[in-house]
Amino acid sequence: MPCNLFFLYMLQVLSFFQEGCMACMEQEPITREVAAAHALPVESINPLKEKQYIDQYKLRVTPTILILKDGNVVERFEGVVHREQMEEAVRRYL
């Protein structure tokens, strides 16, 4: 199975950010810590450079964190999310 298809069958985190966004800079280490604690892949995406994601995921603000299971969005966080909230969401789908 190709590597990129492997991620469709597990939890994955998409982290949408903008350069210079203070809230995004605050969110980034929280997202990385939670992902590392659960061995989850994180894809950091600047939607201003990859505009197809804006419509695909109905993005309105950054930071936006999406948790995907089997390729489907199961959790969505807009703005800074605390580690405890993100941990709780991840545990629901493991």
PDB file of N, CA and C in Angstrom:
ATOM      1  N   MET A   1       0.852  -1.180   0.000  1.00  0.00           N
ATOM      2  CA  MET A   1       0.000   0.000   0.000  1.00  0.00           C
ATOM      3  C   MET A   1       0.891   1.235   0.000  1.00  0.00           C
ATOM      4  N   PRO A   2       0.676   2.169  -0.912  1.00  0.00           N
ATOM      5  CA  PRO A   2       1.482   3.389  -0.917  1.00  0.00           C
ATOM      6  C   PRO A   2       1.317   4.151   0.389  1.00  0.00           C
ATOM      7  N   CYS A   3       2.361   4.828   0.780  1.00  0.00           N
ATOM      8  CA  CYS A   3       2.390   5.531   2.063  1.00  0.00           C
ATOM      9  C   CYS A   3       1.235   6.514   2.218  1.00  0.00           C
ATOM     10  N   ASN A   4       0.922   7.299   1.201  1.00  0.00           N
ATOM     11  CA  ASN A   4      -0.138   8.298   1.351  1.00  0.00           C
ATOM     12  C   ASN A   4      -1.507   7.658   1.553  1.00  0.00           C
ATOM     13  N   LEU A   5      -1.765   6.489   1.038  1.00  0.00           N
ATOM     14  CA  LEU A   5      -3.031   5.795   1.283  1.00  0.00           C
ATOM     15  C   LEU A   5      -3.104   5.260   2.704  1.00  0.00           C
ATOM     16  N   PHE A   6      -1.961   4.949   3.292  1.00  0.00           N
ATOM     17  CA  PHE A   6      -1.927   4.439   4.660  1.00  0.00           C
ATOM     18  C   PHE A   6      -2.583   5.412   5.627  1.00  0.00           C
ATOM     19  N   PHE A   7      -2.355   6.713   5.431  1.00  0.00           N
ATOM     20  CA  PHE A   7      -2.893   7.712   6.348  1.00  0.00           C
ATOM     21  C   PHE A   7      -4.407   7.830   6.275  1.00  0.00           C
ATOM     22  N   LEU A   8      -5.019   7.356   5.198  1.00  0.00           N
ATOM     23  CA  LEU A   8      -6.471   7.436   5.091  1.00  0.00           C
ATOM     24  C   LEU A   8      -7.163   6.489   6.062  1.00  0.00           C
ATOM     25  N   TYR A   9      -6.439   5.544   6.623  1.00  0.00           N
ATOM     26  CA  TYR A   9      -7.052   4.529   7.470  1.00  0.00           C
ATOM     27  C   TYR A   9      -6.669   4.685   8.932  1.00  0.00           C
ATOM     28  N   MET A  10      -6.299   5.879   9.320  1.00  0.00           N
ATOM     29  CA  MET A  10      -5.950   6.151  10.704  1.00  0.00           C
ATOM     30  C   MET A  10      -6.260   7.610  11.005  1.00  0.00           C
ATOM     31  N   LEU A  11      -5.927   8.038  12.211  1.00  0.00           N
ATOM     32  CA  LEU A  11      -6.109   9.450  12.547  1.00  0.00           C
ATOM     33  C   LEU A  11      -4.995  10.282  11.941  1.00  0.00           C
ATOM     34  N   GLN A  12      -5.365  11.464  11.521  1.00  0.00           N
ATOM     35  CA  GLN A  12      -4.420  12.405  10.929  1.00  0.00           C
ATOM     36  C   GLN A  12      -4.835  13.801  11.371  1.00  0.00           C
ATOM     37  N   VAL A  13      -3.870  14.687  11.529  1.00  0.00           N
ATOM     38  CA  VAL A  13      -4.144  16.060  11.928  1.00  0.00           C
ATOM     39  C   VAL A  13      -3.727  16.993  10.801  1.00  0.00           C
ATOM     40  N   LEU A  14      -4.657  17.875  10.405  1.00  0.00           N
ATOM     41  CA  LEU A  14      -4.346  18.939   9.461  1.00  0.00           C
ATOM     42  C   LEU A  14      -4.337  20.235  10.246  1.00  0.00           C
ATOM     43  N   SER A  15      -3.250  20.961  10.145  1.00  0.00           N
ATOM     44  CA  SER A  15      -3.087  22.219  10.872  1.00  0.00           C
ATOM     45  C   SER A  15      -2.962  23.353   9.868  1.00  0.00           C
ATOM     46  N   PHE A  16      -3.980  24.214   9.796  1.00  0.00           N
ATOM     47  CA  PHE A  16      -3.991  25.328   8.863  1.00  0.00           C
ATOM     48  C   PHE A  16      -3.510  26.587   9.566  1.00  0.00           C
ATOM     49  N   PHE A  17      -2.577  27.287   8.946  1.00  0.00           N
ATOM     50  CA  PHE A  17      -1.937  28.454   9.555  1.00  0.00           C
ATOM     51  C   PHE A  17      -1.688  29.525   8.516  1.00  0.00           C
ATOM     52  N   GLN A  18      -1.363  30.709   8.980  1.00  0.00           N
ATOM     53  CA  GLN A  18      -0.886  31.797   8.118  1.00  0.00           C
ATOM     54  C   GLN A  18       0.424  32.306   8.706  1.00  0.00           C
ATOM     55  N   GLU A  19       1.333  32.678   7.851  1.00  0.00           N
ATOM     56  CA  GLU A  19       2.590  33.250   8.313  1.00  0.00           C
ATOM     57  C   GLU A  19       2.307  34.562   9.038  1.00  0.00           C
ATOM     58  N   GLY A  20       2.963  34.779  10.161  1.00  0.00           N
ATOM     59  CA  GLY A  20       2.799  35.997  10.937  1.00  0.00           C
ATOM     60  C   GLY A  20       1.596  35.994  11.861  1.00  0.00           C
ATOM     61  N   CYS A  21       0.815  34.937  11.871  1.00  0.00           N
ATOM     62  CA  CYS A  21      -0.378  34.825  12.718  1.00  0.00           C
ATOM     63  C   CYS A  21       0.056  34.427  14.132  1.00  0.00           C
ATOM     64  N   MET A  22      -0.167  35.324  15.096  1.00  0.00           N
ATOM     65  CA  MET A  22       0.260  35.062  16.477  1.00  0.00           C
ATOM     66  C   MET A  22      -0.466  33.852  17.074  1.00  0.00           C
ATOM     67  N   ALA A  23      -1.755  33.738  16.822  1.00  0.00           N
ATOM     68  CA  ALA A  23      -2.509  32.587  17.345  1.00  0.00           C
ATOM     69  C   ALA A  23      -1.983  31.282  16.743  1.00  0.00           C
ATOM     70  N   CYS A  24      -1.589  31.316  15.473  1.00  0.00           N
ATOM     71  CA  CYS A  24      -1.038  30.127  14.813  1.00  0.00           C
ATOM     72  C   CYS A  24       0.279  29.719  15.475  1.00  0.00           C
ATOM     73  N   MET A  25       1.099  30.715  15.808  1.00  0.00           N
ATOM     74  CA  MET A  25       2.379  30.427  16.468  1.00  0.00           C
ATOM     75  C   MET A  25       2.147  29.850  17.863  1.00  0.00           C
ATOM     76  N   GLU A  26       1.091  30.279  18.518  1.00  0.00           N
ATOM     77  CA  GLU A  26       0.748  29.739  19.833  1.00  0.00           C
ATOM     78  C   GLU A  26       0.223  28.304  19.707  1.00  0.00           C
ATOM     79  N   GLN A  27      -0.543  28.035  18.663  1.00  0.00           N
ATOM     80  CA  GLN A  27      -1.148  26.720  18.478  1.00  0.00           C
ATOM     81  C   GLN A  27      -0.148  25.651  18.054  1.00  0.00           C
ATOM     82  N   GLU A  28       0.827  26.009  17.267  1.00  0.00           N
ATOM     83  CA  GLU A  28       1.743  25.034  16.657  1.00  0.00           C
ATOM     84  C   GLU A  28       2.397  24.091  17.666  1.00  0.00           C
ATOM     85  N   PRO A  29       2.995  24.566  18.769  1.00  0.00           N
ATOM     86  CA  PRO A  29       3.618  23.611  19.695  1.00  0.00           C
ATOM     87  C   PRO A  29       2.594  22.715  20.398  1.00  0.00           C
ATOM     88  N   ILE A  30       1.395  23.221  20.632  1.00  0.00           N
ATOM     89  CA  ILE A  30       0.347  22.395  21.259  1.00  0.00           C
ATOM     90  C   ILE A  30      -0.016  21.249  20.324  1.00  0.00           C
ATOM     91  N   THR A  31      -0.235  21.571  19.066  1.00  0.00           N
ATOM     92  CA  THR A  31      -0.595  20.561  18.076  1.00  0.00           C
ATOM     93  C   THR A  31       0.505  19.518  17.944  1.00  0.00           C
ATOM     94  N   ARG A  32       1.744  19.960  17.871  1.00  0.00           N
ATOM     95  CA  ARG A  32       2.873  19.030  17.731  1.00  0.00           C
ATOM     96  C   ARG A  32       3.003  18.118  18.950  1.00  0.00           C
ATOM     97  N   GLU A  33       2.804  18.652  20.147  1.00  0.00           N
ATOM     98  CA  GLU A  33       2.903  17.841  21.372  1.00  0.00           C
ATOM     99  C   GLU A  33       1.834  16.755  21.402  1.00  0.00           C
ATOM    100  N   VAL A  34       0.608  17.136  21.101  1.00  0.00           N
ATOM    101  CA  VAL A  34      -0.488  16.158  21.114  1.00  0.00           C
ATOM    102  C   VAL A  34      -0.254  15.095  20.046  1.00  0.00           C
ATOM    103  N   ALA A  35       0.122  15.511  18.863  1.00  0.00           N
ATOM    104  CA  ALA A  35       0.371  14.563  17.777  1.00  0.00           C
ATOM    105  C   ALA A  35       1.514  13.613  18.123  1.00  0.00           C
ATOM    106  N   ALA A  36       2.583  14.143  18.691  1.00  0.00           N
ATOM    107  CA  ALA A  36       3.722  13.297  19.059  1.00  0.00           C
ATOM    108  C   ALA A  36       3.344  12.305  20.153  1.00  0.00           C
ATOM    109  N   ALA A  37       2.541  12.736  21.112  1.00  0.00           N
ATOM    110  CA  ALA A  37       2.130  11.858  22.212  1.00  0.00           C
ATOM    111  C   ALA A  37       1.305  10.681  21.711  1.00  0.00           C
ATOM    112  N   HIS A  38       0.633  10.844  20.588  1.00  0.00           N
ATOM    113  CA  HIS A  38      -0.230   9.782  20.057  1.00  0.00           C
ATOM    114  C   HIS A  38       0.264   9.237  18.720  1.00  0.00           C
ATOM    115  N   ALA A  39       1.478   9.599  18.348  1.00  0.00           N
ATOM    116  CA  ALA A  39       2.096   9.151  17.089  1.00  0.00           C
ATOM    117  C   ALA A  39       1.196   9.429  15.889  1.00  0.00           C
ATOM    118  N   LEU A  40       0.643  10.642  15.847  1.00  0.00           N
ATOM    119  CA  LEU A  40      -0.230  11.041  14.744  1.00  0.00           C
ATOM    120  C   LEU A  40       0.542  11.887  13.742  1.00  0.00           C
ATOM    121  N   PRO A  41       0.297  11.663  12.470  1.00  0.00           N
ATOM    122  CA  PRO A  41       0.917  12.534  11.474  1.00  0.00           C
ATOM    123  C   PRO A  41       0.228  13.897  11.471  1.00  0.00           C
ATOM    124  N   VAL A  42       1.022  14.954  11.333  1.00  0.00           N
ATOM    125  CA  VAL A  42       0.503  16.319  11.247  1.00  0.00           C
ATOM    126  C   VAL A  42       0.941  16.908   9.916  1.00  0.00           C
ATOM    127  N   GLU A  43      -0.013  17.486   9.221  1.00  0.00           N
ATOM    128  CA  GLU A  43       0.317  18.188   7.989  1.00  0.00           C
ATOM    129  C   GLU A  43       0.000  19.659   8.209  1.00  0.00           C
ATOM    130  N   SER A  44       1.021  20.502   8.202  1.00  0.00           N
ATOM    131  CA  SER A  44       0.847  21.943   8.350  1.00  0.00           C
ATOM    132  C   SER A  44       0.648  22.544   6.971  1.00  0.00           C
ATOM    133  N   ILE A  45      -0.443  23.300   6.825  1.00  0.00           N
ATOM    134  CA  ILE A  45      -0.821  23.817   5.508  1.00  0.00           C
ATOM    135  C   ILE A  45      -1.129  25.302   5.603  1.00  0.00           C
ATOM    136  N   ASN A  46      -0.529  26.084   4.722  1.00  0.00           N
ATOM    137  CA  ASN A  46      -0.862  27.491   4.600  1.00  0.00           C
ATOM    138  C   ASN A  46      -1.916  27.595   3.494  1.00  0.00           C
ATOM    139  N   PRO A  47      -3.189  27.813   3.860  1.00  0.00           N
ATOM    140  CA  PRO A  47      -4.241  27.810   2.844  1.00  0.00           C
ATOM    141  C   PRO A  47      -4.147  28.978   1.860  1.00  0.00           C
ATOM    142  N   LEU A  48      -3.398  30.002   2.197  1.00  0.00           N
ATOM    143  CA  LEU A  48      -3.221  31.098   1.248  1.00  0.00           C
ATOM    144  C   LEU A  48      -2.309  30.687   0.095  1.00  0.00           C
ATOM    145  N   LYS A  49      -1.477  29.681   0.339  1.00  0.00           N
ATOM    146  CA  LYS A  49      -0.599  29.168  -0.711  1.00  0.00           C
ATOM    147  C   LYS A  49      -1.200  27.947  -1.390  1.00  0.00           C
ATOM    148  N   GLU A  50      -2.120  27.262  -0.698  1.00  0.00           N
ATOM    149  CA  GLU A  50      -2.789  26.072  -1.245  1.00  0.00           C
ATOM    150  C   GLU A  50      -4.292  26.287  -1.117  1.00  0.00           C
ATOM    151  N   LYS A  51      -4.812  27.152  -1.975  1.00  0.00           N
ATOM    152  CA  LYS A  51      -6.180  27.662  -1.863  1.00  0.00           C
ATOM    153  C   LYS A  51      -7.272  26.599  -2.011  1.00  0.00           C
ATOM    154  N   GLN A  52      -6.962  25.458  -2.591  1.00  0.00           N
ATOM    155  CA  GLN A  52      -7.983  24.421  -2.750  1.00  0.00           C
ATOM    156  C   GLN A  52      -8.532  23.952  -1.401  1.00  0.00           C
ATOM    157  N   TYR A  53      -7.739  24.088  -0.343  1.00  0.00           N
ATOM    158  CA  TYR A  53      -8.188  23.652   0.982  1.00  0.00           C
ATOM    159  C   TYR A  53      -9.249  24.583   1.570  1.00  0.00           C
ATOM    160  N   ILE A  54      -9.285  25.839   1.158  1.00  0.00           N
ATOM    161  CA  ILE A  54     -10.253  26.795   1.698  1.00  0.00           C
ATOM    162  C   ILE A  54     -11.674  26.316   1.410  1.00  0.00           C
ATOM    163  N   ASP A  55     -11.944  25.956   0.174  1.00  0.00           N
ATOM    164  CA  ASP A  55     -13.276  25.448  -0.181  1.00  0.00           C
ATOM    165  C   ASP A  55     -13.484  24.019   0.311  1.00  0.00           C
ATOM    166  N   GLN A  56     -12.463  23.196   0.154  1.00  0.00           N
ATOM    167  CA  GLN A  56     -12.599  21.784   0.530  1.00  0.00           C
ATOM    168  C   GLN A  56     -13.012  21.623   1.988  1.00  0.00           C
ATOM    169  N   TYR A  57     -12.403  22.410   2.891  1.00  0.00           N
ATOM    170  CA  TYR A  57     -12.680  22.270   4.321  1.00  0.00           C
ATOM    171  C   TYR A  57     -13.439  23.465   4.901  1.00  0.00           C
ATOM    172  N   LYS A  58     -13.943  24.342   4.026  1.00  0.00           N
ATOM    173  CA  LYS A  58     -14.735  25.499   4.480  1.00  0.00           C
ATOM    174  C   LYS A  58     -13.984  26.303   5.544  1.00  0.00           C
ATOM    175  N   LEU A  59     -12.743  26.644   5.249  1.00  0.00           N
ATOM    176  CA  LEU A  59     -11.899  27.365   6.196  1.00  0.00           C
ATOM    177  C   LEU A  59     -12.337  28.815   6.302  1.00  0.00           C
ATOM    178  N   ARG A  60     -12.422  29.308   7.550  1.00  0.00           N
ATOM    179  CA  ARG A  60     -12.815  30.693   7.798  1.00  0.00           C
ATOM    180  C   ARG A  60     -11.748  31.460   8.558  1.00  0.00           C
ATOM    181  N   VAL A  61     -11.007  30.777   9.425  1.00  0.00           N
ATOM    182  CA  VAL A  61     -10.001  31.432  10.263  1.00  0.00           C
ATOM    183  C   VAL A  61      -8.771  30.545  10.376  1.00  0.00           C
ATOM    184  N   THR A  62      -7.687  31.172  10.816  1.00  0.00           N
ATOM    185  CA  THR A  62      -6.507  30.412  11.215  1.00  0.00           C
ATOM    186  C   THR A  62      -6.164  30.841  12.633  1.00  0.00           C
ATOM    187  N   PRO A  63      -5.688  29.921  13.445  1.00  0.00           N
ATOM    188  CA  PRO A  63      -5.479  28.525  13.113  1.00  0.00           C
ATOM    189  C   PRO A  63      -6.791  27.741  13.078  1.00  0.00           C
ATOM    190  N   THR A  64      -6.814  26.744  12.217  1.00  0.00           N
ATOM    191  CA  THR A  64      -7.876  25.737  12.212  1.00  0.00           C
ATOM    192  C   THR A  64      -7.184  24.385  12.246  1.00  0.00           C
ATOM    193  N   ILE A  65      -7.634  23.551  13.170  1.00  0.00           N
ATOM    194  CA  ILE A  65      -7.104  22.191  13.308  1.00  0.00           C
ATOM    195  C   ILE A  65      -8.224  21.232  12.955  1.00  0.00           C
ATOM    196  N   LEU A  66      -7.941  20.310  12.038  1.00  0.00           N
ATOM    197  CA  LEU A  66      -8.897  19.268  11.692  1.00  0.00           C
ATOM    198  C   LEU A  66      -8.307  17.924  12.072  1.00  0.00           C
ATOM    199  N   ILE A  67      -9.116  17.093  12.699  1.00  0.00           N
ATOM    200  CA  ILE A  67      -8.715  15.717  12.981  1.00  0.00           C
ATOM    201  C   ILE A  67      -9.517  14.843  12.034  1.00  0.00           C
ATOM    202  N   LEU A  68      -8.801  14.039  11.260  1.00  0.00           N
ATOM    203  CA  LEU A  68      -9.433  13.161  10.292  1.00  0.00           C
ATOM    204  C   LEU A  68      -9.273  11.711  10.714  1.00  0.00           C
ATOM    205  N   LYS A  69     -10.323  10.948  10.531  1.00  0.00           N
ATOM    206  CA  LYS A  69     -10.267   9.500  10.738  1.00  0.00           C
ATOM    207  C   LYS A  69     -10.765   8.875   9.449  1.00  0.00           C
ATOM    208  N   ASP A  70      -9.971   7.971   8.920  1.00  0.00           N
ATOM    209  CA  ASP A  70     -10.298   7.323   7.650  1.00  0.00           C
ATOM    210  C   ASP A  70     -10.586   8.349   6.560  1.00  0.00           C
ATOM    211  N   GLY A  71      -9.884   9.493   6.610  1.00  0.00           N
ATOM    212  CA  GLY A  71     -10.020  10.516   5.591  1.00  0.00           C
ATOM    213  C   GLY A  71     -11.201  11.463   5.779  1.00  0.00           C
ATOM    214  N   ASN A  72     -11.987  11.265   6.834  1.00  0.00           N
ATOM    215  CA  ASN A  72     -13.154  12.117   7.101  1.00  0.00           C
ATOM    216  C   ASN A  72     -12.904  13.002   8.315  1.00  0.00           C
ATOM    217  N   VAL A  73     -13.349  14.253   8.255  1.00  0.00           N
ATOM    218  CA  VAL A  73     -13.195  15.174   9.379  1.00  0.00           C
ATOM    219  C   VAL A  73     -14.116  14.724  10.511  1.00  0.00           C
ATOM    220  N   VAL A  74     -13.510  14.454  11.683  1.00  0.00           N
ATOM    221  CA  VAL A  74     -14.298  14.049  12.852  1.00  0.00           C
ATOM    222  C   VAL A  74     -14.270  15.105  13.941  1.00  0.00           C
ATOM    223  N   GLU A  75     -13.280  15.989  13.918  1.00  0.00           N
ATOM    224  CA  GLU A  75     -13.195  17.098  14.878  1.00  0.00           C
ATOM    225  C   GLU A  75     -12.651  18.315  14.158  1.00  0.00           C
ATOM    226  N   ARG A  76     -13.147  19.481  14.561  1.00  0.00           N
ATOM    227  CA  ARG A  76     -12.705  20.742  13.970  1.00  0.00           C
ATOM    228  C   ARG A  76     -12.531  21.744  15.102  1.00  0.00           C
ATOM    229  N   PHE A  77     -11.390  22.417  15.116  1.00  0.00           N
ATOM    230  CA  PHE A  77     -11.113  23.471  16.085  1.00  0.00           C
ATOM    231  C   PHE A  77     -10.716  24.727  15.323  1.00  0.00           C
ATOM    232  N   GLU A  78     -11.392  25.827  15.602  1.00  0.00           N
ATOM    233  CA  GLU A  78     -11.054  27.105  14.992  1.00  0.00           C
ATOM    234  C   GLU A  78     -10.541  28.023  16.084  1.00  0.00           C
ATOM    235  N   GLY A  79      -9.398  28.661  15.844  1.00  0.00           N
ATOM    236  CA  GLY A  79      -8.752  29.447  16.880  1.00  0.00           C
ATOM    237  C   GLY A  79      -7.871  28.536  17.719  1.00  0.00           C
ATOM    238  N   VAL A  80      -7.283  29.105  18.745  1.00  0.00           N
ATOM    239  CA  VAL A  80      -6.365  28.337  19.596  1.00  0.00           C
ATOM    240  C   VAL A  80      -7.169  27.343  20.436  1.00  0.00           C
ATOM    241  N   VAL A  81      -6.739  26.094  20.412  1.00  0.00           N
ATOM    242  CA  VAL A  81      -7.371  25.042  21.211  1.00  0.00           C
ATOM    243  C   VAL A  81      -6.370  24.590  22.268  1.00  0.00           C
ATOM    244  N   HIS A  82      -6.842  24.418  23.487  1.00  0.00           N
ATOM    245  CA  HIS A  82      -5.969  23.990  24.570  1.00  0.00           C
ATOM    246  C   HIS A  82      -5.610  22.518  24.426  1.00  0.00           C
ATOM    247  N   ARG A  83      -4.476  22.176  24.941  1.00  0.00           N
ATOM    248  CA  ARG A  83      -3.982  20.810  24.831  1.00  0.00           C
ATOM    249  C   ARG A  83      -4.992  19.796  25.360  1.00  0.00           C
ATOM    250  N   GLU A  84      -5.622  20.088  26.499  1.00  0.00           N
ATOM    251  CA  GLU A  84      -6.557  19.145  27.108  1.00  0.00           C
ATOM    252  C   GLU A  84      -7.731  18.854  26.172  1.00  0.00           C
ATOM    253  N   GLN A  85      -8.255  19.895  25.526  1.00  0.00           N
ATOM    254  CA  GLN A  85      -9.374  19.703  24.600  1.00  0.00           C
ATOM    255  C   GLN A  85      -8.957  18.852  23.402  1.00  0.00           C
ATOM    256  N   MET A  86      -7.780  19.133  22.889  1.00  0.00           N
ATOM    257  CA  MET A  86      -7.305  18.389  21.726  1.00  0.00           C
ATOM    258  C   MET A  86      -7.026  16.936  22.090  1.00  0.00           C
ATOM    259  N   GLU A  87      -6.414  16.721  23.261  1.00  0.00           N
ATOM    260  CA  GLU A  87      -6.150  15.356  23.737  1.00  0.00           C
ATOM    261  C   GLU A  87      -7.458  14.570  23.853  1.00  0.00           C
ATOM    262  N   GLU A  88      -8.463  15.190  24.437  1.00  0.00           N
ATOM    263  CA  GLU A  88      -9.764  14.536  24.621  1.00  0.00           C
ATOM    264  C   GLU A  88     -10.359  14.135  23.269  1.00  0.00           C
ATOM    265  N   ALA A  89     -10.278  15.032  22.297  1.00  0.00           N
ATOM    266  CA  ALA A  89     -10.813  14.750  20.970  1.00  0.00           C
ATOM    267  C   ALA A  89     -10.063  13.591  20.324  1.00  0.00           C
ATOM    268  N   VAL A  90      -8.748  13.579  20.418  1.00  0.00           N
ATOM    269  CA  VAL A  90      -7.953  12.508  19.823  1.00  0.00           C
ATOM    270  C   VAL A  90      -8.301  11.169  20.461  1.00  0.00           C
ATOM    271  N   ARG A  91      -8.421  11.134  21.776  1.00  0.00           N
ATOM    272  CA  ARG A  91      -8.725   9.882  22.484  1.00  0.00           C
ATOM    273  C   ARG A  91     -10.071   9.293  22.057  1.00  0.00           C
ATOM    274  N   ARG A  92     -11.018  10.142  21.703  1.00  0.00           N
ATOM    275  CA  ARG A  92     -12.337   9.639  21.269  1.00  0.00           C
ATOM    276  C   ARG A  92     -12.248   8.762  20.044  1.00  0.00           C
ATOM    277  N   TYR A  93     -11.224   8.962  19.227  1.00  0.00           N
ATOM    278  CA  TYR A  93     -11.154   8.266  17.938  1.00  0.00           C
ATOM    279  C   TYR A  93     -10.013   7.245  17.834  1.00  0.00           C
ATOM    280  N   LEU A  94      -9.276   7.072  18.905  1.00  0.00           N
ATOM    281  CA  LEU A  94      -8.194   6.070  18.858  1.00  0.00           C
ATOM    282  C   LEU A  94      -8.733   4.679  19.079  1.00  0.00           C
TER     283      LEU A  94
END
